[in-house]
Amino acid sequence: MHYIRALVLTTALATPTAWSAEPPGRADEASALVALEHRWVDALQKSDLETLSAILASTYVDTDETGQRGDKASVLSALKSGALKFSVITISDMKPVIYGHAAVVTGAGVQQGTYDGQPLAQRVVFTDTFVRAGKTWKVVASQRTAAPK
């Protein structure tokens, strides 16, 4: 009996899906989240309110690099009025982690823009939280921290 248990355990550990970091299909989901991050920053740069409205959940909470919180309506309003403007946003070092119907993406960004005429922090690190509704990911929260230059 001990021999059978050892054989089953050895076989299970030797099977790549038993010890792989990502279950089958997770790599595709991770790639989709990274692509969504790029689509999001592209929409921010273009002030594309329609795309942003589709990406941001109705309960979206934004915490910016100064510690100010806003919701979906306030972000869209600031972009529409021109109070928030981005000329450049480049994101990198993204690491998506999926937890069933939720996911967290961490990364870094370089941005140029203004809010109420004041320059934005040039370098940030971020944590974005997503939930999946059906086959669609929506961002529910974003937090940015100014990073050293």
C-alpha atoms as a PDB file:
ATOM      1  CA  MET A   1       0.000   0.000   0.000  1.00  0.00           C
ATOM      2  CA  HIS A   2       2.850   2.413   0.819  1.00  0.00           C
ATOM      3  CA  TYR A   3       4.369   1.608  -2.575  1.00  0.00           C
ATOM      4  CA  ILE A   4       1.118   2.592  -4.367  1.00  0.00           C
ATOM      5  CA  ARG A   5       0.895   5.888  -2.425  1.00  0.00           C
ATOM      6  CA  ALA A   6       4.513   6.687  -3.251  1.00  0.00           C
ATOM      7  CA  LEU A   7       3.935   5.864  -6.921  1.00  0.00           C
ATOM      8  CA  VAL A   8       0.800   8.057  -7.081  1.00  0.00           C
ATOM      9  CA  LEU A   9       2.581  10.932  -5.325  1.00  0.00           C
ATOM     10  CA  THR A  10       5.645  10.611  -7.569  1.00  0.00           C
ATOM     11  CA  THR A  11       3.465  10.547 -10.685  1.00  0.00           C
ATOM     12  CA  ALA A  12       1.474  13.569  -9.524  1.00  0.00           C
ATOM     13  CA  LEU A  13       4.622  15.575  -8.803  1.00  0.00           C
ATOM     14  CA  ALA A  14       6.133  14.622 -12.150  1.00  0.00           C
ATOM     15  CA  THR A  15       3.063  15.865 -14.041  1.00  0.00           C
ATOM     16  CA  PRO A  16       3.655  19.473 -15.178  1.00  0.00           C
ATOM     17  CA  THR A  17       0.097  20.594 -14.421  1.00  0.00           C
ATOM     18  CA  ALA A  18       0.512  19.471 -10.829  1.00  0.00           C
ATOM     19  CA  TRP A  19       3.313  21.936 -10.144  1.00  0.00           C
ATOM     20  CA  SER A  20       2.974  24.619 -12.803  1.00  0.00           C
ATOM     21  CA  ALA A  21       2.505  28.171 -11.575  1.00  0.00           C
ATOM     22  CA  GLU A  22      -0.446  28.765 -13.865  1.00  0.00           C
ATOM     23  CA  PRO A  23      -3.301  26.340 -14.518  1.00  0.00           C
ATOM     24  CA  PRO A  24      -4.177  25.791 -18.175  1.00  0.00           C
ATOM     25  CA  GLY A  25      -5.787  28.892 -19.660  1.00  0.00           C
ATOM     26  CA  ARG A  26      -4.399  31.268 -17.022  1.00  0.00           C
ATOM     27  CA  ALA A  27      -1.616  32.461 -19.328  1.00  0.00           C
ATOM     28  CA  ASP A  28      -4.272  33.549 -21.843  1.00  0.00           C
ATOM     29  CA  GLU A  29      -6.175  35.373 -19.100  1.00  0.00           C
ATOM     30  CA  ALA A  30      -2.982  37.036 -17.876  1.00  0.00           C
ATOM     31  CA  SER A  31      -2.211  38.197 -21.419  1.00  0.00           C
ATOM     32  CA  ALA A  32      -5.755  39.534 -21.745  1.00  0.00           C
ATOM     33  CA  LEU A  33      -5.316  41.571 -18.552  1.00  0.00           C
ATOM     34  CA  VAL A  34      -2.037  43.061 -19.773  1.00  0.00           C
ATOM     35  CA  ALA A  35      -3.706  43.930 -23.093  1.00  0.00           C
ATOM     36  CA  LEU A  36      -6.582  45.537 -21.173  1.00  0.00           C
ATOM     37  CA  GLU A  37      -4.088  47.639 -19.188  1.00  0.00           C
ATOM     38  CA  HIS A  38      -2.624  48.909 -22.489  1.00  0.00           C
ATOM     39  CA  ARG A  39      -6.095  49.617 -23.871  1.00  0.00           C
ATOM     40  CA  TRP A  40      -6.904  51.533 -20.677  1.00  0.00           C
ATOM     41  CA  VAL A  41      -3.845  53.816 -20.858  1.00  0.00           C
ATOM     42  CA  ASP A  42      -4.437  54.387 -24.566  1.00  0.00           C
ATOM     43  CA  ALA A  43      -7.987  55.507 -23.760  1.00  0.00           C
ATOM     44  CA  LEU A  44      -6.690  57.787 -20.990  1.00  0.00           C
ATOM     45  CA  GLN A  45      -4.250  59.478 -23.385  1.00  0.00           C
ATOM     46  CA  LYS A  46      -7.021  60.009 -25.950  1.00  0.00           C
ATOM     47  CA  SER A  47      -9.668  60.940 -23.342  1.00  0.00           C
ATOM     48  CA  ASP A  48     -11.749  58.171 -24.919  1.00  0.00           C
ATOM     49  CA  LEU A  49     -14.687  58.238 -22.511  1.00  0.00           C
ATOM     50  CA  GLU A  50     -16.601  55.465 -24.277  1.00  0.00           C
ATOM     51  CA  THR A  51     -13.733  52.973 -23.963  1.00  0.00           C
ATOM     52  CA  LEU A  52     -13.007  54.034 -20.398  1.00  0.00           C
ATOM     53  CA  SER A  53     -16.652  53.654 -19.456  1.00  0.00           C
ATOM     54  CA  ALA A  54     -16.576  50.087 -20.770  1.00  0.00           C
ATOM     55  CA  ILE A  55     -13.358  49.225 -18.879  1.00  0.00           C
ATOM     56  CA  LEU A  56     -14.207  50.799 -15.501  1.00  0.00           C
ATOM     57  CA  ALA A  57     -16.773  49.058 -13.295  1.00  0.00           C
ATOM     58  CA  SER A  58     -19.660  51.186 -12.047  1.00  0.00           C
ATOM     59  CA  THR A  59     -18.167  50.850  -8.537  1.00  0.00           C
ATOM     60  CA  TYR A  60     -14.634  51.845  -9.664  1.00  0.00           C
ATOM     61  CA  VAL A  61     -12.465  53.556  -7.025  1.00  0.00           C
ATOM     62  CA  ASP A  62      -9.324  55.453  -8.019  1.00  0.00           C
ATOM     63  CA  THR A  63      -6.636  56.419  -5.505  1.00  0.00           C
ATOM     64  CA  ASP A  64      -4.089  58.705  -7.124  1.00  0.00           C
ATOM     65  CA  GLU A  65      -0.467  59.372  -6.288  1.00  0.00           C
ATOM     66  CA  THR A  66      -1.449  62.221  -3.920  1.00  0.00           C
ATOM     67  CA  GLY A  67      -3.818  59.978  -1.938  1.00  0.00           C
ATOM     68  CA  GLN A  68      -6.988  61.519  -3.387  1.00  0.00           C
ATOM     69  CA  ARG A  69      -9.853  59.146  -4.086  1.00  0.00           C
ATOM     70  CA  GLY A  70     -12.318  59.384  -6.912  1.00  0.00           C
ATOM     71  CA  ASP A  71     -14.937  57.244  -8.572  1.00  0.00           C
ATOM     72  CA  LYS A  72     -15.754  56.390 -12.173  1.00  0.00           C
ATOM     73  CA  ALA A  73     -17.891  59.503 -12.676  1.00  0.00           C
ATOM     74  CA  SER A  74     -15.231  61.863 -11.297  1.00  0.00           C
ATOM     75  CA  VAL A  75     -12.472  60.387 -13.494  1.00  0.00           C
ATOM     76  CA  LEU A  76     -14.623  60.593 -16.627  1.00  0.00           C
ATOM     77  CA  SER A  77     -15.723  64.117 -15.722  1.00  0.00           C
ATOM     78  CA  ALA A  78     -12.138  65.309 -15.175  1.00  0.00           C
ATOM     79  CA  LEU A  79     -11.118  63.942 -18.575  1.00  0.00           C
ATOM     80  CA  LYS A  80     -14.182  65.385 -20.318  1.00  0.00           C
ATOM     81  CA  SER A  81     -13.648  68.860 -18.835  1.00  0.00           C
ATOM     82  CA  GLY A  82      -9.930  68.836 -19.600  1.00  0.00           C
ATOM     83  CA  ALA A  83      -9.000  69.129 -15.914  1.00  0.00           C
ATOM     84  CA  LEU A  84      -7.119  65.826 -16.319  1.00  0.00           C
ATOM     85  CA  LYS A  85      -4.869  65.545 -19.360  1.00  0.00           C
ATOM     86  CA  PHE A  86      -2.320  62.919 -20.328  1.00  0.00           C
ATOM     87  CA  SER A  87       0.196  63.443 -23.114  1.00  0.00           C
ATOM     88  CA  VAL A  88       2.188  60.257 -22.465  1.00  0.00           C
ATOM     89  CA  ILE A  89       1.633  57.127 -20.409  1.00  0.00           C
ATOM     90  CA  THR A  90       3.975  54.161 -20.689  1.00  0.00           C
ATOM     91  CA  ILE A  91       3.425  51.117 -18.508  1.00  0.00           C
ATOM     92  CA  SER A  92       5.832  48.258 -17.832  1.00  0.00           C
ATOM     93  CA  ASP A  93       6.804  45.475 -15.446  1.00  0.00           C
ATOM     94  CA  MET A  94       3.216  44.227 -15.267  1.00  0.00           C
ATOM     95  CA  LYS A  95       2.578  41.124 -13.204  1.00  0.00           C
ATOM     96  CA  PRO A  96      -0.984  39.821 -13.342  1.00  0.00           C
ATOM     97  CA  VAL A  97      -2.143  37.342 -10.703  1.00  0.00           C
ATOM     98  CA  ILE A  98      -5.543  35.710 -11.145  1.00  0.00           C
ATOM     99  CA  TYR A  99      -7.719  34.543  -8.255  1.00  0.00           C
ATOM    100  CA  GLY A 100     -10.709  32.881  -9.899  1.00  0.00           C
ATOM    101  CA  HIS A 101     -13.046  35.730 -10.869  1.00  0.00           C
ATOM    102  CA  ALA A 102     -10.706  38.419  -9.498  1.00  0.00           C
ATOM    103  CA  ALA A 103      -7.247  39.549 -10.564  1.00  0.00           C
ATOM    104  CA  VAL A 104      -4.570  41.977  -9.471  1.00  0.00           C
ATOM    105  CA  VAL A 105      -2.090  43.589 -11.848  1.00  0.00           C
ATOM    106  CA  THR A 106       0.947  45.381 -10.454  1.00  0.00           C
ATOM    107  CA  GLY A 107       3.316  47.409 -12.550  1.00  0.00           C
ATOM    108  CA  ALA A 108       5.161  50.665 -13.121  1.00  0.00           C
ATOM    109  CA  GLY A 109       4.436  53.664 -15.265  1.00  0.00           C
ATOM    110  CA  VAL A 110       5.941  56.813 -16.665  1.00  0.00           C
ATOM    111  CA  GLN A 111       3.440  59.560 -17.360  1.00  0.00           C
ATOM    112  CA  GLN A 112       3.289  63.153 -18.489  1.00  0.00           C
ATOM    113  CA  GLY A 113       0.176  65.145 -17.900  1.00  0.00           C
ATOM    114  CA  THR A 114      -1.607  67.597 -15.659  1.00  0.00           C
ATOM    115  CA  TYR A 115      -4.480  67.716 -13.223  1.00  0.00           C
ATOM    116  CA  ASP A 116      -5.984  71.164 -12.671  1.00  0.00           C
ATOM    117  CA  GLY A 117      -2.886  72.645 -14.297  1.00  0.00           C
ATOM    118  CA  GLN A 118      -0.464  70.882 -11.940  1.00  0.00           C
ATOM    119  CA  PRO A 119       1.978  68.288 -13.297  1.00  0.00           C
ATOM    120  CA  LEU A 120       1.336  64.642 -12.478  1.00  0.00           C
ATOM    121  CA  ALA A 121       4.006  62.502 -10.821  1.00  0.00           C
ATOM    122  CA  GLN A 122       6.298  61.370 -13.628  1.00  0.00           C
ATOM    123  CA  ARG A 123       6.963  57.878 -12.294  1.00  0.00           C
ATOM    124  CA  VAL A 124       4.442  55.697 -10.528  1.00  0.00           C
ATOM    125  CA  VAL A 125       3.953  52.159  -9.378  1.00  0.00           C
ATOM    126  CA  PHE A 126       0.422  50.819  -9.470  1.00  0.00           C
ATOM    127  CA  THR A 127      -1.904  48.104  -8.288  1.00  0.00           C
ATOM    128  CA  ASP A 128      -5.062  47.520 -10.306  1.00  0.00           C
ATOM    129  CA  THR A 129      -7.833  45.174  -9.197  1.00  0.00           C
ATOM    130  CA  PHE A 130     -10.179  43.504 -11.690  1.00  0.00           C
ATOM    131  CA  VAL A 131     -13.271  41.329 -11.461  1.00  0.00           C
ATOM    132  CA  ARG A 132     -14.589  39.098 -14.196  1.00  0.00           C
ATOM    133  CA  ALA A 133     -18.255  39.231 -15.137  1.00  0.00           C
ATOM    134  CA  GLY A 134     -18.841  36.449 -17.624  1.00  0.00           C
ATOM    135  CA  LYS A 135     -15.963  36.696 -20.091  1.00  0.00           C
ATOM    136  CA  THR A 136     -15.297  40.403 -19.488  1.00  0.00           C
ATOM    137  CA  TRP A 137     -12.774  41.869 -17.041  1.00  0.00           C
ATOM    138  CA  LYS A 138     -13.681  45.199 -15.385  1.00  0.00           C
ATOM    139  CA  VAL A 139     -11.353  47.280 -13.270  1.00  0.00           C
ATOM    140  CA  VAL A 140     -12.831  47.950  -9.828  1.00  0.00           C
ATOM    141  CA  ALA A 141      -9.917  49.749  -8.163  1.00  0.00           C
ATOM    142  CA  SER A 142      -6.652  51.419  -9.051  1.00  0.00           C
ATOM    143  CA  GLN A 143      -4.001  52.769  -6.714  1.00  0.00           C
ATOM    144  CA  ARG A 144      -0.867  54.635  -7.777  1.00  0.00           C
ATOM    145  CA  THR A 145       2.116  55.707  -5.722  1.00  0.00           C
ATOM    146  CA  ALA A 146       4.713  58.205  -6.864  1.00  0.00           C
ATOM    147  CA  ALA A 147       7.991  56.378  -7.421  1.00  0.00           C
ATOM    148  CA  PRO A 148      11.475  57.829  -6.967  1.00  0.00           C
ATOM    149  CA  LYS A 149      13.052  59.256 -10.104  1.00  0.00           C
END
